[in-house]
Amino acid sequence: MCPVWADGVVHKCKDPQGEMIYQASPCARTDVTVSSWTSQTQVIEQTEGGEPQNNRALVLKQQGNGHYFVDGVINGKPLNFVVDTGASVVSIPRATAYAASMSCKDQVLMQTANGASSVCTSVIARLKVGPFLLKDVSAMIVPNLSQPLLGMNVLQRFRIEQDNGEMRLSAKN
């Protein structure tokens, strides 16, 4: 998971060499602030693998910008996803994908909210979302994407409820 410090605030910074840094303090002047958030992911029970279990749930708090974020891990690399029901497939920024040992299977032209883009298809061997572990998940490696997107190919595996600024992901019955 992305690190969370005592006050719960995480700052995501890009250093002059282009490396992403997660830290408790605001980004240095020489770094670019990519995003910052207060981690409000609440895990109810843990599971060690496979599809979501019937008695497991993940509760996310809506952020001030209206979005929901969830901590995740791709092949051992921690990151923070935007929960994006408009994305048909999990989409990972190129640098993040390569840092997580993802490889390009095929180059395809994809229509995105920002227009046509050349992306790579890939498979995530191990994707952890909150307490849930999913294996062999289809994904896109996208150049110039600022934040990983948790798309419908993963979200459809869950029952999703949204109410009063909370989103609850749990197993489908």
N, C-alpha and C. Protein backbone atom coordinates (compact mmCIF):
# COMPACT_ATOMS: atom_id res chain seq x y z
N MET A 1 0.83 -1.18 0.00
CA MET A 1 0.00 0.00 0.00
C MET A 1 0.88 1.25 0.00
N CYS A 2 0.30 2.35 -0.42
CA CYS A 2 1.03 3.60 -0.31
C CYS A 2 1.18 3.90 1.16
N PRO A 3 2.31 4.47 1.56
CA PRO A 3 2.50 4.73 2.97
C PRO A 3 1.51 5.75 3.49
N VAL A 4 1.07 5.58 4.71
CA VAL A 4 0.20 6.55 5.36
C VAL A 4 0.82 6.86 6.70
N TRP A 5 1.00 8.13 6.98
CA TRP A 5 1.61 8.53 8.23
C TRP A 5 0.56 8.84 9.26
N ALA A 6 1.00 9.17 10.47
CA ALA A 6 0.11 9.35 11.61
C ALA A 6 -1.07 10.27 11.30
N ASP A 7 -0.82 11.37 10.59
CA ASP A 7 -1.93 12.28 10.30
C ASP A 7 -2.74 11.84 9.08
N GLY A 8 -2.32 10.77 8.41
CA GLY A 8 -3.07 10.23 7.30
C GLY A 8 -2.88 10.94 5.97
N VAL A 9 -2.04 11.97 5.91
CA VAL A 9 -1.85 12.72 4.67
C VAL A 9 -0.67 12.15 3.90
N VAL A 10 -0.86 11.94 2.61
CA VAL A 10 0.19 11.44 1.73
C VAL A 10 0.38 12.45 0.61
N HIS A 11 1.63 12.80 0.34
CA HIS A 11 1.97 13.69 -0.77
C HIS A 11 2.70 12.87 -1.81
N LYS A 12 2.23 12.95 -3.06
CA LYS A 12 2.86 12.23 -4.16
C LYS A 12 3.63 13.26 -4.97
N CYS A 13 4.95 13.08 -5.05
CA CYS A 13 5.83 14.05 -5.70
C CYS A 13 6.64 13.36 -6.78
N LYS A 14 7.01 14.12 -7.81
CA LYS A 14 7.90 13.62 -8.85
C LYS A 14 9.20 14.40 -8.74
N ASP A 15 10.32 13.69 -8.51
CA ASP A 15 11.61 14.36 -8.37
C ASP A 15 12.16 14.75 -9.75
N PRO A 16 13.24 15.53 -9.79
CA PRO A 16 13.78 15.98 -11.09
C PRO A 16 14.15 14.84 -12.04
N GLN A 17 14.41 13.65 -11.52
CA GLN A 17 14.74 12.50 -12.36
C GLN A 17 13.48 11.76 -12.85
N GLY A 18 12.31 12.23 -12.44
CA GLY A 18 11.06 11.62 -12.88
C GLY A 18 10.54 10.51 -11.99
N GLU A 19 11.21 10.25 -10.87
CA GLU A 19 10.78 9.19 -9.95
C GLU A 19 9.64 9.70 -9.06
N MET A 20 8.65 8.83 -8.83
CA MET A 20 7.55 9.17 -7.93
C MET A 20 7.96 8.89 -6.49
N ILE A 21 7.63 9.82 -5.61
CA ILE A 21 7.96 9.70 -4.19
C ILE A 21 6.68 9.91 -3.40
N TYR A 22 6.39 9.03 -2.46
CA TYR A 22 5.27 9.20 -1.54
C TYR A 22 5.87 9.62 -0.21
N GLN A 23 5.38 10.72 0.36
CA GLN A 23 5.98 11.20 1.60
C GLN A 23 4.95 11.93 2.45
N ALA A 24 5.30 12.12 3.74
CA ALA A 24 4.41 12.78 4.69
C ALA A 24 4.43 14.29 4.55
N SER A 25 5.54 14.85 4.10
CA SER A 25 5.66 16.31 4.00
C SER A 25 5.37 16.78 2.58
N PRO A 26 5.01 18.06 2.42
CA PRO A 26 4.78 18.58 1.07
C PRO A 26 6.02 18.41 0.20
N CYS A 27 5.83 18.43 -1.11
CA CYS A 27 6.92 18.23 -2.06
C CYS A 27 7.94 19.35 -1.97
N ALA A 28 9.22 19.01 -2.20
CA ALA A 28 10.30 20.00 -2.20
C ALA A 28 10.12 20.93 -3.39
N ARG A 29 10.76 22.09 -3.34
CA ARG A 29 10.66 23.06 -4.43
C ARG A 29 11.14 22.49 -5.76
N THR A 30 12.11 21.59 -5.71
CA THR A 30 12.66 21.00 -6.95
C THR A 30 11.79 19.87 -7.48
N ASP A 31 10.80 19.44 -6.70
CA ASP A 31 9.91 18.36 -7.09
C ASP A 31 8.60 18.93 -7.63
N VAL A 32 7.88 18.12 -8.40
CA VAL A 32 6.57 18.49 -8.90
C VAL A 32 5.53 17.78 -8.04
N THR A 33 4.55 18.54 -7.53
CA THR A 33 3.46 17.92 -6.79
C THR A 33 2.52 17.27 -7.78
N VAL A 34 2.40 15.94 -7.68
CA VAL A 34 1.51 15.20 -8.57
C VAL A 34 0.12 15.17 -7.97
N SER A 35 0.05 14.82 -6.70
CA SER A 35 -1.22 14.84 -5.98
C SER A 35 -0.93 14.67 -4.50
N SER A 36 -1.91 14.98 -3.72
CA SER A 36 -1.84 14.68 -2.30
C SER A 36 -3.25 14.36 -1.85
N TRP A 37 -3.36 13.51 -0.86
CA TRP A 37 -4.67 13.10 -0.39
C TRP A 37 -4.56 12.62 1.04
N THR A 38 -5.70 12.55 1.67
CA THR A 38 -5.79 11.94 2.98
C THR A 38 -6.34 10.55 2.78
N SER A 39 -5.58 9.55 3.17
CA SER A 39 -6.02 8.18 2.99
C SER A 39 -7.19 7.92 3.91
N GLN A 40 -8.34 7.59 3.33
CA GLN A 40 -9.53 7.33 4.11
C GLN A 40 -10.12 5.97 3.75
N THR A 41 -9.27 5.09 3.27
CA THR A 41 -9.71 3.75 2.94
C THR A 41 -9.88 2.96 4.22
N GLN A 42 -11.06 2.44 4.43
CA GLN A 42 -11.33 1.64 5.61
C GLN A 42 -11.53 0.21 5.17
N VAL A 43 -10.77 -0.70 5.71
CA VAL A 43 -10.89 -2.10 5.35
C VAL A 43 -11.69 -2.81 6.43
N ILE A 44 -12.69 -3.54 5.99
CA ILE A 44 -13.48 -4.36 6.91
C ILE A 44 -13.12 -5.79 6.61
N GLU A 45 -12.38 -6.42 7.49
CA GLU A 45 -11.87 -7.78 7.34
C GLU A 45 -10.87 -7.87 6.19
N GLN A 46 -10.03 -8.85 6.24
CA GLN A 46 -8.99 -9.06 5.24
C GLN A 46 -9.22 -10.41 4.57
N THR A 47 -8.79 -10.52 3.32
CA THR A 47 -8.80 -11.80 2.62
C THR A 47 -7.45 -11.99 1.97
N GLU A 48 -7.06 -13.20 1.77
CA GLU A 48 -5.73 -13.46 1.21
C GLU A 48 -5.74 -13.81 -0.26
N GLY A 49 -6.89 -13.94 -0.92
CA GLY A 49 -6.75 -14.22 -2.34
C GLY A 49 -8.03 -14.52 -3.06
N GLY A 50 -7.88 -14.66 -4.37
CA GLY A 50 -8.99 -15.03 -5.22
C GLY A 50 -9.99 -13.92 -5.41
N GLU A 51 -11.20 -14.31 -5.71
CA GLU A 51 -12.28 -13.36 -5.91
C GLU A 51 -12.72 -12.83 -4.55
N PRO A 52 -13.47 -11.72 -4.55
CA PRO A 52 -13.95 -11.19 -3.28
C PRO A 52 -14.75 -12.24 -2.51
N GLN A 53 -14.58 -12.25 -1.20
CA GLN A 53 -15.31 -13.17 -0.35
C GLN A 53 -16.66 -12.55 0.03
N ASN A 54 -17.67 -13.38 0.29
CA ASN A 54 -19.02 -12.89 0.55
C ASN A 54 -19.13 -11.96 1.74
N ASN A 55 -18.29 -12.12 2.74
CA ASN A 55 -18.40 -11.31 3.94
C ASN A 55 -17.34 -10.22 4.00
N ARG A 56 -16.74 -9.85 2.90
CA ARG A 56 -15.69 -8.85 2.87
C ARG A 56 -16.21 -7.57 2.23
N ALA A 57 -15.69 -6.42 2.68
CA ALA A 57 -16.09 -5.15 2.09
C ALA A 57 -14.97 -4.14 2.25
N LEU A 58 -14.98 -3.17 1.37
CA LEU A 58 -14.03 -2.08 1.39
C LEU A 58 -14.85 -0.80 1.31
N VAL A 59 -14.67 0.11 2.26
CA VAL A 59 -15.42 1.36 2.29
C VAL A 59 -14.48 2.50 1.96
N LEU A 60 -14.84 3.29 0.94
CA LEU A 60 -14.03 4.42 0.50
C LEU A 60 -14.79 5.72 0.79
N LYS A 61 -14.08 6.73 1.22
CA LYS A 61 -14.67 8.05 1.46
C LYS A 61 -14.49 8.92 0.22
N GLN A 62 -15.55 9.62 -0.16
CA GLN A 62 -15.46 10.53 -1.29
C GLN A 62 -14.57 11.71 -0.92
N GLN A 63 -13.67 12.07 -1.82
CA GLN A 63 -12.74 13.17 -1.58
C GLN A 63 -13.40 14.49 -1.97
N GLY A 64 -12.79 15.60 -1.59
CA GLY A 64 -13.32 16.92 -1.86
C GLY A 64 -13.53 17.20 -3.34
N ASN A 65 -12.76 16.55 -4.20
CA ASN A 65 -12.90 16.75 -5.64
C ASN A 65 -13.99 15.86 -6.24
N GLY A 66 -14.70 15.10 -5.38
CA GLY A 66 -15.79 14.24 -5.84
C GLY A 66 -15.37 12.84 -6.22
N HIS A 67 -14.08 12.58 -6.28
CA HIS A 67 -13.58 11.26 -6.69
C HIS A 67 -13.39 10.34 -5.49
N TYR A 68 -13.34 9.06 -5.80
CA TYR A 68 -13.00 8.03 -4.82
C TYR A 68 -11.63 7.48 -5.19
N PHE A 69 -10.80 7.26 -4.18
CA PHE A 69 -9.46 6.71 -4.38
C PHE A 69 -9.32 5.46 -3.53
N VAL A 70 -8.52 4.52 -4.01
CA VAL A 70 -8.27 3.30 -3.24
C VAL A 70 -6.80 2.92 -3.39
N ASP A 71 -6.20 2.54 -2.27
CA ASP A 71 -4.82 2.07 -2.29
C ASP A 71 -4.79 0.69 -2.94
N GLY A 72 -3.74 0.45 -3.69
CA GLY A 72 -3.59 -0.83 -4.36
C GLY A 72 -2.12 -1.21 -4.48
N VAL A 73 -1.88 -2.42 -4.93
CA VAL A 73 -0.53 -2.91 -5.15
C VAL A 73 -0.55 -3.71 -6.45
N ILE A 74 0.37 -3.38 -7.36
CA ILE A 74 0.53 -4.13 -8.61
C ILE A 74 1.87 -4.84 -8.54
N ASN A 75 1.84 -6.16 -8.53
CA ASN A 75 3.08 -6.95 -8.51
C ASN A 75 4.06 -6.45 -7.45
N GLY A 76 3.54 -6.09 -6.28
CA GLY A 76 4.38 -5.63 -5.18
C GLY A 76 4.64 -4.13 -5.16
N LYS A 77 4.21 -3.38 -6.17
CA LYS A 77 4.43 -1.93 -6.25
C LYS A 77 3.19 -1.20 -5.74
N PRO A 78 3.31 -0.45 -4.62
CA PRO A 78 2.15 0.28 -4.09
C PRO A 78 1.80 1.50 -4.94
N LEU A 79 0.50 1.76 -5.04
CA LEU A 79 0.02 2.94 -5.75
C LEU A 79 -1.39 3.28 -5.29
N ASN A 80 -1.90 4.39 -5.79
CA ASN A 80 -3.22 4.86 -5.41
C ASN A 80 -4.05 5.02 -6.68
N PHE A 81 -5.18 4.30 -6.75
CA PHE A 81 -6.05 4.32 -7.92
C PHE A 81 -7.17 5.35 -7.77
N VAL A 82 -7.58 5.94 -8.88
CA VAL A 82 -8.85 6.64 -8.97
C VAL A 82 -9.86 5.56 -9.35
N VAL A 83 -10.96 5.46 -8.61
CA VAL A 83 -12.03 4.54 -8.97
C VAL A 83 -12.77 5.19 -10.14
N ASP A 84 -12.71 4.57 -11.32
CA ASP A 84 -13.21 5.22 -12.53
C ASP A 84 -14.17 4.30 -13.29
N THR A 85 -15.48 4.51 -13.07
CA THR A 85 -16.49 3.70 -13.75
C THR A 85 -16.56 4.03 -15.24
N GLY A 86 -15.92 5.11 -15.66
CA GLY A 86 -15.87 5.46 -17.08
C GLY A 86 -14.74 4.79 -17.82
N ALA A 87 -13.84 4.14 -17.09
CA ALA A 87 -12.72 3.42 -17.72
C ALA A 87 -13.13 1.96 -17.86
N SER A 88 -13.09 1.43 -19.07
CA SER A 88 -13.51 0.04 -19.26
C SER A 88 -12.49 -0.95 -18.73
N VAL A 89 -11.24 -0.53 -18.62
CA VAL A 89 -10.19 -1.45 -18.18
C VAL A 89 -9.22 -0.69 -17.26
N VAL A 90 -8.57 -1.41 -16.37
CA VAL A 90 -7.55 -0.81 -15.50
C VAL A 90 -6.51 -0.15 -16.40
N SER A 91 -6.17 1.10 -16.08
CA SER A 91 -5.20 1.86 -16.88
C SER A 91 -4.09 2.35 -15.96
N ILE A 92 -2.85 2.09 -16.37
CA ILE A 92 -1.69 2.38 -15.54
C ILE A 92 -0.74 3.31 -16.30
N PRO A 93 -0.25 4.38 -15.64
CA PRO A 93 0.74 5.23 -16.29
C PRO A 93 1.97 4.40 -16.68
N ARG A 94 2.58 4.75 -17.80
CA ARG A 94 3.70 3.96 -18.34
C ARG A 94 4.82 3.76 -17.32
N ALA A 95 5.29 4.83 -16.68
CA ALA A 95 6.41 4.70 -15.73
C ALA A 95 6.04 3.79 -14.57
N THR A 96 4.81 3.90 -14.08
CA THR A 96 4.34 3.06 -12.98
C THR A 96 4.28 1.60 -13.43
N ALA A 97 3.78 1.37 -14.62
CA ALA A 97 3.66 0.01 -15.14
C ALA A 97 5.03 -0.67 -15.24
N TYR A 98 6.00 0.04 -15.78
CA TYR A 98 7.32 -0.56 -15.93
C TYR A 98 7.99 -0.77 -14.58
N ALA A 99 7.75 0.15 -13.63
CA ALA A 99 8.29 -0.02 -12.27
C ALA A 99 7.66 -1.23 -11.58
N ALA A 100 6.45 -1.60 -12.01
CA ALA A 100 5.76 -2.75 -11.43
C ALA A 100 5.96 -4.02 -12.26
N SER A 101 6.97 -4.01 -13.13
CA SER A 101 7.32 -5.17 -13.95
C SER A 101 6.21 -5.61 -14.90
N MET A 102 5.40 -4.66 -15.35
CA MET A 102 4.40 -4.97 -16.38
C MET A 102 5.07 -4.81 -17.74
N SER A 103 4.68 -5.64 -18.68
CA SER A 103 5.27 -5.54 -20.02
C SER A 103 4.18 -5.32 -21.06
N CYS A 104 4.58 -4.71 -22.16
CA CYS A 104 3.68 -4.42 -23.27
C CYS A 104 3.46 -5.69 -24.08
N LYS A 105 2.21 -6.11 -24.22
CA LYS A 105 1.88 -7.29 -25.03
C LYS A 105 1.63 -6.87 -26.48
N ASP A 106 0.71 -5.93 -26.66
CA ASP A 106 0.36 -5.43 -27.99
C ASP A 106 0.16 -3.93 -27.93
N GLN A 107 0.53 -3.25 -28.99
CA GLN A 107 0.30 -1.82 -29.13
C GLN A 107 -1.05 -1.65 -29.84
N VAL A 108 -1.96 -0.85 -29.25
CA VAL A 108 -3.27 -0.63 -29.86
C VAL A 108 -3.61 0.85 -29.80
N LEU A 109 -4.52 1.28 -30.67
CA LEU A 109 -5.02 2.64 -30.64
C LEU A 109 -6.33 2.61 -29.87
N MET A 110 -6.43 3.44 -28.83
CA MET A 110 -7.60 3.42 -27.97
C MET A 110 -8.22 4.80 -27.90
N GLN A 111 -9.54 4.85 -27.91
CA GLN A 111 -10.25 6.12 -27.76
C GLN A 111 -10.43 6.37 -26.27
N THR A 112 -9.92 7.50 -25.78
CA THR A 112 -10.03 7.86 -24.36
C THR A 112 -10.83 9.14 -24.23
N ALA A 113 -11.07 9.55 -23.01
CA ALA A 113 -11.77 10.81 -22.76
C ALA A 113 -10.98 11.99 -23.33
N ASN A 114 -9.67 11.82 -23.47
CA ASN A 114 -8.82 12.88 -24.01
C ASN A 114 -8.49 12.69 -25.49
N GLY A 115 -9.20 11.81 -26.18
CA GLY A 115 -8.95 11.57 -27.60
C GLY A 115 -8.25 10.24 -27.82
N ALA A 116 -7.83 10.00 -29.06
CA ALA A 116 -7.17 8.75 -29.42
C ALA A 116 -5.76 8.72 -28.85
N SER A 117 -5.35 7.54 -28.38
CA SER A 117 -4.03 7.38 -27.79
C SER A 117 -3.50 5.99 -28.11
N SER A 118 -2.21 5.90 -28.36
CA SER A 118 -1.56 4.61 -28.57
C SER A 118 -1.18 4.05 -27.21
N VAL A 119 -1.72 2.88 -26.87
CA VAL A 119 -1.49 2.26 -25.57
C VAL A 119 -1.02 0.83 -25.76
N CYS A 120 -0.52 0.24 -24.69
CA CYS A 120 -0.11 -1.16 -24.69
C CYS A 120 -1.11 -1.98 -23.89
N THR A 121 -1.44 -3.16 -24.39
CA THR A 121 -2.21 -4.09 -23.57
C THR A 121 -1.22 -4.83 -22.69
N SER A 122 -1.69 -5.25 -21.53
CA SER A 122 -0.83 -5.95 -20.58
C SER A 122 -1.69 -6.79 -19.66
N VAL A 123 -1.05 -7.58 -18.84
CA VAL A 123 -1.73 -8.36 -17.82
C VAL A 123 -1.01 -8.13 -16.50
N ILE A 124 -1.78 -7.81 -15.47
CA ILE A 124 -1.23 -7.64 -14.12
C ILE A 124 -1.29 -9.01 -13.45
N ALA A 125 -0.14 -9.56 -13.12
CA ALA A 125 -0.09 -10.89 -12.50
C ALA A 125 -0.81 -10.89 -11.15
N ARG A 126 -0.54 -9.86 -10.33
CA ARG A 126 -1.15 -9.77 -8.99
C ARG A 126 -1.57 -8.33 -8.73
N LEU A 127 -2.87 -8.13 -8.60
CA LEU A 127 -3.43 -6.81 -8.30
C LEU A 127 -4.14 -6.88 -6.96
N LYS A 128 -3.65 -6.12 -6.00
CA LYS A 128 -4.29 -6.06 -4.69
C LYS A 128 -5.03 -4.73 -4.61
N VAL A 129 -6.32 -4.79 -4.33
CA VAL A 129 -7.16 -3.61 -4.17
C VAL A 129 -7.72 -3.68 -2.76
N GLY A 130 -7.28 -2.74 -1.91
CA GLY A 130 -7.67 -2.86 -0.51
C GLY A 130 -7.26 -4.24 -0.04
N PRO A 131 -8.19 -5.01 0.53
CA PRO A 131 -7.84 -6.33 1.04
C PRO A 131 -7.96 -7.46 0.00
N PHE A 132 -8.41 -7.14 -1.20
CA PHE A 132 -8.70 -8.17 -2.19
C PHE A 132 -7.53 -8.39 -3.14
N LEU A 133 -7.21 -9.64 -3.40
CA LEU A 133 -6.15 -9.99 -4.33
C LEU A 133 -6.77 -10.60 -5.58
N LEU A 134 -6.46 -10.00 -6.74
CA LEU A 134 -6.95 -10.49 -8.02
C LEU A 134 -5.74 -10.88 -8.86
N LYS A 135 -5.89 -11.92 -9.66
CA LYS A 135 -4.76 -12.42 -10.46
C LYS A 135 -5.08 -12.33 -11.94
N ASP A 136 -4.02 -12.11 -12.73
CA ASP A 136 -4.11 -12.08 -14.19
C ASP A 136 -5.20 -11.11 -14.68
N VAL A 137 -5.05 -9.85 -14.29
CA VAL A 137 -6.02 -8.80 -14.62
C VAL A 137 -5.57 -8.07 -15.88
N SER A 138 -6.45 -7.96 -16.86
CA SER A 138 -6.15 -7.20 -18.08
C SER A 138 -5.99 -5.73 -17.73
N ALA A 139 -5.03 -5.08 -18.41
CA ALA A 139 -4.77 -3.67 -18.14
C ALA A 139 -4.22 -3.00 -19.39
N MET A 140 -4.24 -1.69 -19.36
CA MET A 140 -3.64 -0.87 -20.41
C MET A 140 -2.51 -0.07 -19.79
N ILE A 141 -1.40 0.01 -20.50
CA ILE A 141 -0.29 0.88 -20.12
C ILE A 141 -0.43 2.13 -20.97
N VAL A 142 -0.65 3.27 -20.29
CA VAL A 142 -1.02 4.50 -20.99
C VAL A 142 0.04 5.57 -20.80
N PRO A 143 0.59 6.11 -21.89
CA PRO A 143 1.54 7.22 -21.76
C PRO A 143 0.78 8.47 -21.32
N ASN A 144 1.45 9.33 -20.59
CA ASN A 144 0.90 10.62 -20.17
C ASN A 144 -0.33 10.52 -19.27
N LEU A 145 -0.55 9.39 -18.64
CA LEU A 145 -1.63 9.25 -17.66
C LEU A 145 -1.07 9.67 -16.31
N SER A 146 -1.78 10.53 -15.60
CA SER A 146 -1.22 11.06 -14.35
C SER A 146 -1.49 10.16 -13.14
N GLN A 147 -2.55 9.36 -13.18
CA GLN A 147 -2.93 8.56 -12.01
C GLN A 147 -3.48 7.23 -12.49
N PRO A 148 -3.16 6.13 -11.81
CA PRO A 148 -3.75 4.84 -12.18
C PRO A 148 -5.27 4.88 -12.05
N LEU A 149 -5.95 4.23 -12.99
CA LEU A 149 -7.42 4.17 -12.98
C LEU A 149 -7.86 2.74 -12.73
N LEU A 150 -8.74 2.56 -11.77
CA LEU A 150 -9.33 1.25 -11.50
C LEU A 150 -10.59 1.16 -12.35
N GLY A 151 -10.54 0.39 -13.43
CA GLY A 151 -11.62 0.36 -14.41
C GLY A 151 -12.65 -0.72 -14.15
N MET A 152 -13.63 -0.76 -15.05
CA MET A 152 -14.78 -1.64 -14.89
C MET A 152 -14.44 -3.13 -14.97
N ASN A 153 -13.33 -3.50 -15.63
CA ASN A 153 -13.00 -4.93 -15.66
C ASN A 153 -12.71 -5.47 -14.26
N VAL A 154 -12.32 -4.60 -13.33
CA VAL A 154 -12.16 -5.00 -11.93
C VAL A 154 -13.42 -4.67 -11.15
N LEU A 155 -13.96 -3.47 -11.34
CA LEU A 155 -15.12 -3.04 -10.56
C LEU A 155 -16.32 -3.96 -10.76
N GLN A 156 -16.49 -4.53 -11.95
CA GLN A 156 -17.63 -5.41 -12.20
C GLN A 156 -17.58 -6.69 -11.38
N ARG A 157 -16.45 -6.99 -10.79
CA ARG A 157 -16.33 -8.18 -9.94
C ARG A 157 -16.92 -7.95 -8.55
N PHE A 158 -17.28 -6.69 -8.27
CA PHE A 158 -17.78 -6.31 -6.96
C PHE A 158 -19.21 -5.78 -7.04
N ARG A 159 -19.88 -5.85 -5.92
CA ARG A 159 -21.13 -5.12 -5.73
C ARG A 159 -20.71 -3.73 -5.28
N ILE A 160 -21.24 -2.70 -5.90
CA ILE A 160 -20.86 -1.33 -5.57
C ILE A 160 -22.08 -0.58 -5.06
N GLU A 161 -21.95 0.01 -3.88
CA GLU A 161 -23.00 0.85 -3.31
C GLU A 161 -22.40 2.21 -3.02
N GLN A 162 -23.14 3.26 -3.35
CA GLN A 162 -22.67 4.61 -3.08
C GLN A 162 -23.78 5.36 -2.35
N ASP A 163 -23.42 5.96 -1.21
CA ASP A 163 -24.41 6.70 -0.43
C ASP A 163 -23.70 7.62 0.54
N ASN A 164 -24.18 8.83 0.68
CA ASN A 164 -23.67 9.77 1.68
C ASN A 164 -22.16 9.94 1.64
N GLY A 165 -21.59 10.05 0.46
CA GLY A 165 -20.15 10.28 0.35
C GLY A 165 -19.29 9.07 0.64
N GLU A 166 -19.89 7.89 0.61
CA GLU A 166 -19.14 6.65 0.79
C GLU A 166 -19.43 5.70 -0.36
N MET A 167 -18.41 4.97 -0.76
CA MET A 167 -18.57 3.90 -1.73
C MET A 167 -18.14 2.61 -1.06
N ARG A 168 -18.98 1.61 -1.18
CA ARG A 168 -18.71 0.31 -0.55
C ARG A 168 -18.55 -0.73 -1.65
N LEU A 169 -17.38 -1.37 -1.67
CA LEU A 169 -17.11 -2.46 -2.61
C LEU A 169 -17.17 -3.76 -1.82
N SER A 170 -18.04 -4.67 -2.25
CA SER A 170 -18.15 -5.96 -1.57
C SER A 170 -18.41 -7.04 -2.62
N ALA A 171 -18.36 -8.28 -2.18
CA ALA A 171 -18.56 -9.40 -3.09
C ALA A 171 -19.98 -9.41 -3.62
N LYS A 172 -20.12 -9.82 -4.89
CA LYS A 172 -21.46 -10.01 -5.44
C LYS A 172 -22.03 -11.28 -4.83
N ASN A 173 -23.33 -11.26 -4.58
CA ASN A 173 -23.98 -12.46 -4.02
C ASN A 173 -24.26 -13.47 -5.08
